[in-house]
Structures are given as structure tokens and as C-alpha cells.
Amino acid sequence: MKTASPDSATHSRLTQGVILMTVTMLTIPLVDGLAKHLSVSYSPLFLSWARYAVACLIVLPF
């Protein structure tokens, strides 16, 4: 049976962190741009509520 070395585990965690940070840095501007696009048709109060409701639904399972 082969065991993972500490360097391998550290490298894996580092890669996971870089991927999560990249996804986050792409998602934030995307959500902001979508909110600005929808602000023509919807009220700012509704957009704020919808933005945080969707974020809550995404984060809640974690």
C-alpha cells in the first residue's frame, strides 16, 4: 500500500486553493455585471434580495 507524502498533500491543497480562488475571482465580476444588466428592468431592492438569497442557497449546504 502506498501512502501519500506530506509534500504531495500540501501540493494538492495548494492546487485546490488556487482553483477555488480563480473561480471566485471570475464569479464576483460575473455576478456584478449581471446585476448591472438586470438593473434596467428590476428594482435595486429586488436585485439585492435575489443576489443574497442565491448566495445563501449556494453557501448553506457547505
PDB file of N, CA and C in Angstrom:
ATOM      1  N   MET A   1       0.838  -1.171   0.000  1.00  0.00           N
ATOM      2  CA  MET A   1       0.000   0.000   0.000  1.00  0.00           C
ATOM      3  C   MET A   1       0.888   1.242   0.000  1.00  0.00           C
ATOM      4  N   LYS A   2       0.539   2.184  -0.802  1.00  0.00           N
ATOM      5  CA  LYS A   2       1.330   3.389  -0.955  1.00  0.00           C
ATOM      6  C   LYS A   2       0.695   4.521  -0.142  1.00  0.00           C
ATOM      7  N   THR A   3       1.487   5.242   0.617  1.00  0.00           N
ATOM      8  CA  THR A   3       0.963   6.369   1.387  1.00  0.00           C
ATOM      9  C   THR A   3       1.420   7.665   0.732  1.00  0.00           C
ATOM     10  N   ALA A   4       0.603   8.682   0.875  1.00  0.00           N
ATOM     11  CA  ALA A   4       0.927   9.982   0.295  1.00  0.00           C
ATOM     12  C   ALA A   4       1.934  10.697   1.181  1.00  0.00           C
ATOM     13  N   SER A   5       2.893  11.318   0.559  1.00  0.00           N
ATOM     14  CA  SER A   5       3.888  12.069   1.321  1.00  0.00           C
ATOM     15  C   SER A   5       3.293  13.409   1.737  1.00  0.00           C
ATOM     16  N   PRO A   6       3.841  14.015   2.793  1.00  0.00           N
ATOM     17  CA  PRO A   6       3.331  15.331   3.220  1.00  0.00           C
ATOM     18  C   PRO A   6       3.447  16.384   2.121  1.00  0.00           C
ATOM     19  N   ASP A   7       4.497  16.297   1.294  1.00  0.00           N
ATOM     20  CA  ASP A   7       4.643  17.265   0.207  1.00  0.00           C
ATOM     21  C   ASP A   7       3.518  17.125  -0.810  1.00  0.00           C
ATOM     22  N   SER A   8       3.099  15.883  -1.066  1.00  0.00           N
ATOM     23  CA  SER A   8       2.017  15.641  -2.012  1.00  0.00           C
ATOM     24  C   SER A   8       0.703  16.215  -1.491  1.00  0.00           C
ATOM     25  N   ALA A   9       0.437  16.046  -0.203  1.00  0.00           N
ATOM     26  CA  ALA A   9      -0.796  16.573   0.395  1.00  0.00           C
ATOM     27  C   ALA A   9      -0.790  18.096   0.374  1.00  0.00           C
ATOM     28  N   THR A  10       0.361  18.694   0.656  1.00  0.00           N
ATOM     29  CA  THR A  10       0.475  20.151   0.634  1.00  0.00           C
ATOM     30  C   THR A  10       0.272  20.676  -0.782  1.00  0.00           C
ATOM     31  N   HIS A  11       0.848  20.009  -1.761  1.00  0.00           N
ATOM     32  CA  HIS A  11       0.701  20.422  -3.155  1.00  0.00           C
ATOM     33  C   HIS A  11      -0.754  20.324  -3.593  1.00  0.00           C
ATOM     34  N   SER A  12      -1.440  19.267  -3.178  1.00  0.00           N
ATOM     35  CA  SER A  12      -2.844  19.085  -3.524  1.00  0.00           C
ATOM     36  C   SER A  12      -3.705  20.196  -2.926  1.00  0.00           C
ATOM     37  N   ARG A  13      -3.444  20.541  -1.665  1.00  0.00           N
ATOM     38  CA  ARG A  13      -4.211  21.610  -1.012  1.00  0.00           C
ATOM     39  C   ARG A  13      -3.931  22.958  -1.665  1.00  0.00           C
ATOM     40  N   LEU A  14      -2.695  23.174  -2.056  1.00  0.00           N
ATOM     41  CA  LEU A  14      -2.327  24.411  -2.724  1.00  0.00           C
ATOM     42  C   LEU A  14      -3.036  24.527  -4.070  1.00  0.00           C
ATOM     43  N   THR A  15      -3.060  23.445  -4.818  1.00  0.00           N
ATOM     44  CA  THR A  15      -3.758  23.436  -6.110  1.00  0.00           C
ATOM     45  C   THR A  15      -5.245  23.692  -5.921  1.00  0.00           C
ATOM     46  N   GLN A  16      -5.840  23.057  -4.930  1.00  0.00           N
ATOM     47  CA  GLN A  16      -7.264  23.269  -4.647  1.00  0.00           C
ATOM     48  C   GLN A  16      -7.528  24.730  -4.286  1.00  0.00           C
ATOM     49  N   GLY A  17      -6.652  25.335  -3.504  1.00  0.00           N
ATOM     50  CA  GLY A  17      -6.801  26.741  -3.134  1.00  0.00           C
ATOM     51  C   GLY A  17      -6.709  27.668  -4.333  1.00  0.00           C
ATOM     52  N   VAL A  18      -5.776  27.393  -5.225  1.00  0.00           N
ATOM     53  CA  VAL A  18      -5.624  28.221  -6.424  1.00  0.00           C
ATOM     54  C   VAL A  18      -6.856  28.113  -7.308  1.00  0.00           C
ATOM     55  N   ILE A  19      -7.377  26.913  -7.464  1.00  0.00           N
ATOM     56  CA  ILE A  19      -8.582  26.715  -8.286  1.00  0.00           C
ATOM     57  C   ILE A  19      -9.778  27.440  -7.679  1.00  0.00           C
ATOM     58  N   LEU A  20      -9.981  27.297  -6.365  1.00  0.00           N
ATOM     59  CA  LEU A  20     -11.109  27.972  -5.711  1.00  0.00           C
ATOM     60  C   LEU A  20     -10.985  29.494  -5.811  1.00  0.00           C
ATOM     61  N   MET A  21      -9.775  30.010  -5.651  1.00  0.00           N
ATOM     62  CA  MET A  21      -9.569  31.459  -5.742  1.00  0.00           C
ATOM     63  C   MET A  21      -9.838  31.960  -7.160  1.00  0.00           C
ATOM     64  N   THR A  22      -9.422  31.190  -8.163  1.00  0.00           N
ATOM     65  CA  THR A  22      -9.668  31.573  -9.553  1.00  0.00           C
ATOM     66  C   THR A  22     -11.157  31.585  -9.862  1.00  0.00           C
ATOM     67  N   VAL A  23     -11.881  30.556  -9.426  1.00  0.00           N
ATOM     68  CA  VAL A  23     -13.326  30.500  -9.654  1.00  0.00           C
ATOM     69  C   VAL A  23     -14.016  31.680  -8.964  1.00  0.00           C
ATOM     70  N   THR A  24     -13.595  31.986  -7.752  1.00  0.00           N
ATOM     71  CA  THR A  24     -14.188  33.105  -7.018  1.00  0.00           C
ATOM     72  C   THR A  24     -13.928  34.428  -7.721  1.00  0.00           C
ATOM     73  N   MET A  25     -12.706  34.640  -8.171  1.00  0.00           N
ATOM     74  CA  MET A  25     -12.361  35.900  -8.818  1.00  0.00           C
ATOM     75  C   MET A  25     -13.035  36.057 -10.182  1.00  0.00           C
ATOM     76  N   LEU A  26     -13.484  34.970 -10.779  1.00  0.00           N
ATOM     77  CA  LEU A  26     -14.255  35.062 -12.014  1.00  0.00           C
ATOM     78  C   LEU A  26     -15.745  35.219 -11.738  1.00  0.00           C
ATOM     79  N   THR A  27     -16.215  34.657 -10.634  1.00  0.00           N
ATOM     80  CA  THR A  27     -17.633  34.690 -10.305  1.00  0.00           C
ATOM     81  C   THR A  27     -18.083  36.071  -9.821  1.00  0.00           C
ATOM     82  N   ILE A  28     -17.282  36.729  -9.005  1.00  0.00           N
ATOM     83  CA  ILE A  28     -17.676  38.022  -8.438  1.00  0.00           C
ATOM     84  C   ILE A  28     -17.949  39.057  -9.533  1.00  0.00           C
ATOM     85  N   PRO A  29     -17.058  39.274 -10.501  1.00  0.00           N
ATOM     86  CA  PRO A  29     -17.381  40.237 -11.561  1.00  0.00           C
ATOM     87  C   PRO A  29     -18.565  39.800 -12.439  1.00  0.00           C
ATOM     88  N   LEU A  30     -18.714  38.502 -12.626  1.00  0.00           N
ATOM     89  CA  LEU A  30     -19.838  37.996 -13.412  1.00  0.00           C
ATOM     90  C   LEU A  30     -21.169  38.341 -12.741  1.00  0.00           C
ATOM     91  N   VAL A  31     -21.258  38.117 -11.446  1.00  0.00           N
ATOM     92  CA  VAL A  31     -22.479  38.429 -10.701  1.00  0.00           C
ATOM     93  C   VAL A  31     -22.720  39.941 -10.697  1.00  0.00           C
ATOM     94  N   ASP A  32     -21.656  40.720 -10.538  1.00  0.00           N
ATOM     95  CA  ASP A  32     -21.794  42.179 -10.550  1.00  0.00           C
ATOM     96  C   ASP A  32     -22.285  42.679 -11.906  1.00  0.00           C
ATOM     97  N   GLY A  33     -21.723  42.148 -12.969  1.00  0.00           N
ATOM     98  CA  GLY A  33     -22.167  42.547 -14.304  1.00  0.00           C
ATOM     99  C   GLY A  33     -23.601  42.146 -14.583  1.00  0.00           C
ATOM    100  N   LEU A  34     -23.988  40.962 -14.125  1.00  0.00           N
ATOM    101  CA  LEU A  34     -25.370  40.519 -14.294  1.00  0.00           C
ATOM    102  C   LEU A  34     -26.337  41.427 -13.538  1.00  0.00           C
ATOM    103  N   ALA A  35     -25.961  41.810 -12.320  1.00  0.00           N
ATOM    104  CA  ALA A  35     -26.812  42.717 -11.540  1.00  0.00           C
ATOM    105  C   ALA A  35     -26.948  44.071 -12.231  1.00  0.00           C
ATOM    106  N   LYS A  36     -25.858  44.580 -12.806  1.00  0.00           N
ATOM    107  CA  LYS A  36     -25.933  45.856 -13.512  1.00  0.00           C
ATOM    108  C   LYS A  36     -26.798  45.749 -14.766  1.00  0.00           C
ATOM    109  N   HIS A  37     -26.704  44.634 -15.447  1.00  0.00           N
ATOM    110  CA  HIS A  37     -27.527  44.418 -16.641  1.00  0.00           C
ATOM    111  C   HIS A  37     -29.009  44.339 -16.266  1.00  0.00           C
ATOM    112  N   LEU A  38     -29.313  43.639 -15.184  1.00  0.00           N
ATOM    113  CA  LEU A  38     -30.711  43.482 -14.769  1.00  0.00           C
ATOM    114  C   LEU A  38     -31.280  44.728 -14.096  1.00  0.00           C
ATOM    115  N   SER A  39     -30.424  45.669 -13.696  1.00  0.00           N
ATOM    116  CA  SER A  39     -30.911  46.867 -13.003  1.00  0.00           C
ATOM    117  C   SER A  39     -31.744  47.767 -13.918  1.00  0.00           C
ATOM    118  N   VAL A  40     -31.673  47.534 -15.214  1.00  0.00           N
ATOM    119  CA  VAL A  40     -32.502  48.300 -16.145  1.00  0.00           C
ATOM    120  C   VAL A  40     -33.967  47.905 -15.985  1.00  0.00           C
ATOM    121  N   SER A  41     -34.225  46.630 -15.711  1.00  0.00           N
ATOM    122  CA  SER A  41     -35.590  46.117 -15.661  1.00  0.00           C
ATOM    123  C   SER A  41     -36.142  45.913 -14.254  1.00  0.00           C
ATOM    124  N   TYR A  42     -35.270  45.734 -13.268  1.00  0.00           N
ATOM    125  CA  TYR A  42     -35.716  45.393 -11.911  1.00  0.00           C
ATOM    126  C   TYR A  42     -35.233  46.421 -10.907  1.00  0.00           C
ATOM    127  N   SER A  43     -35.931  46.498  -9.788  1.00  0.00           N
ATOM    128  CA  SER A  43     -35.565  47.461  -8.748  1.00  0.00           C
ATOM    129  C   SER A  43     -34.301  47.002  -8.017  1.00  0.00           C
ATOM    130  N   PRO A  44     -33.537  47.957  -7.502  1.00  0.00           N
ATOM    131  CA  PRO A  44     -32.328  47.604  -6.755  1.00  0.00           C
ATOM    132  C   PRO A  44     -32.624  46.768  -5.505  1.00  0.00           C
ATOM    133  N   LEU A  45     -33.754  46.989  -4.885  1.00  0.00           N
ATOM    134  CA  LEU A  45     -34.118  46.213  -3.699  1.00  0.00           C
ATOM    135  C   LEU A  45     -34.317  44.741  -4.061  1.00  0.00           C
ATOM    136  N   PHE A  46     -35.021  44.481  -5.164  1.00  0.00           N
ATOM    137  CA  PHE A  46     -35.230  43.102  -5.596  1.00  0.00           C
ATOM    138  C   PHE A  46     -33.913  42.448  -5.985  1.00  0.00           C
ATOM    139  N   LEU A  47     -33.055  43.171  -6.695  1.00  0.00           N
ATOM    140  CA  LEU A  47     -31.767  42.610  -7.118  1.00  0.00           C
ATOM    141  C   LEU A  47     -30.888  42.285  -5.911  1.00  0.00           C
ATOM    142  N   SER A  48     -30.882  43.158  -4.918  1.00  0.00           N
ATOM    143  CA  SER A  48     -30.102  42.876  -3.705  1.00  0.00           C
ATOM    144  C   SER A  48     -30.626  41.640  -2.998  1.00  0.00           C
ATOM    145  N   TRP A  49     -31.936  41.560  -2.872  1.00  0.00           N
ATOM    146  CA  TRP A  49     -32.534  40.404  -2.213  1.00  0.00           C
ATOM    147  C   TRP A  49     -32.209  39.122  -2.987  1.00  0.00           C
ATOM    148  N   ALA A  50     -32.369  39.144  -4.292  1.00  0.00           N
ATOM    149  CA  ALA A  50     -32.126  37.952  -5.107  1.00  0.00           C
ATOM    150  C   ALA A  50     -30.651  37.545  -5.055  1.00  0.00           C
ATOM    151  N   ARG A  51     -29.775  38.511  -5.080  1.00  0.00           N
ATOM    152  CA  ARG A  51     -28.339  38.231  -5.043  1.00  0.00           C
ATOM    153  C   ARG A  51     -27.953  37.509  -3.756  1.00  0.00           C
ATOM    154  N   TYR A  52     -28.429  38.004  -2.631  1.00  0.00           N
ATOM    155  CA  TYR A  52     -28.074  37.390  -1.356  1.00  0.00           C
ATOM    156  C   TYR A  52     -28.854  36.102  -1.099  1.00  0.00           C
ATOM    157  N   ALA A  53     -30.047  35.989  -1.633  1.00  0.00           N
ATOM    158  CA  ALA A  53     -30.799  34.738  -1.495  1.00  0.00           C
ATOM    159  C   ALA A  53     -30.098  33.609  -2.258  1.00  0.00           C
ATOM    160  N   VAL A  54     -29.647  33.881  -3.462  1.00  0.00           N
ATOM    161  CA  VAL A  54     -28.939  32.869  -4.246  1.00  0.00           C
ATOM    162  C   VAL A  54     -27.605  32.521  -3.589  1.00  0.00           C
ATOM    163  N   ALA A  55     -26.901  33.523  -3.088  1.00  0.00           N
ATOM    164  CA  ALA A  55     -25.634  33.258  -2.398  1.00  0.00           C
ATOM    165  C   ALA A  55     -25.860  32.391  -1.166  1.00  0.00           C
ATOM    166  N   CYS A  56     -26.937  32.649  -0.453  1.00  0.00           N
ATOM    167  CA  CYS A  56     -27.269  31.850   0.725  1.00  0.00           C
ATOM    168  C   CYS A  56     -27.553  30.406   0.338  1.00  0.00           C
ATOM    169  N   LEU A  57     -28.280  30.198  -0.744  1.00  0.00           N
ATOM    170  CA  LEU A  57     -28.587  28.841  -1.200  1.00  0.00           C
ATOM    171  C   LEU A  57     -27.330  28.087  -1.633  1.00  0.00           C
ATOM    172  N   ILE A  58     -26.354  28.800  -2.174  1.00  0.00           N
ATOM    173  CA  ILE A  58     -25.112  28.165  -2.592  1.00  0.00           C
ATOM    174  C   ILE A  58     -24.245  27.819  -1.390  1.00  0.00           C
ATOM    175  N   VAL A  59     -24.152  28.731  -0.424  1.00  0.00           N
ATOM    176  CA  VAL A  59     -23.253  28.564   0.717  1.00  0.00           C
ATOM    177  C   VAL A  59     -23.842  27.676   1.793  1.00  0.00           C
ATOM    178  N   LEU A  60     -25.142  27.673   1.936  1.00  0.00           N
ATOM    179  CA  LEU A  60     -25.798  26.950   3.020  1.00  0.00           C
ATOM    180  C   LEU A  60     -25.432  25.467   3.085  1.00  0.00           C
ATOM    181  N   PRO A  61     -25.366  24.736   1.971  1.00  0.00           N
ATOM    182  CA  PRO A  61     -25.001  23.319   2.077  1.00  0.00           C
ATOM    183  C   PRO A  61     -23.573  23.084   2.615  1.00  0.00           C
ATOM    184  N   PHE A  62     -22.705  24.056   2.424  1.00  0.00           N
ATOM    185  CA  PHE A  62     -21.326  23.893   2.889  1.00  0.00           C
ATOM    186  C   PHE A  62     -21.219  24.205   4.356  1.00  0.00           C
TER     187      PHE A  62
END
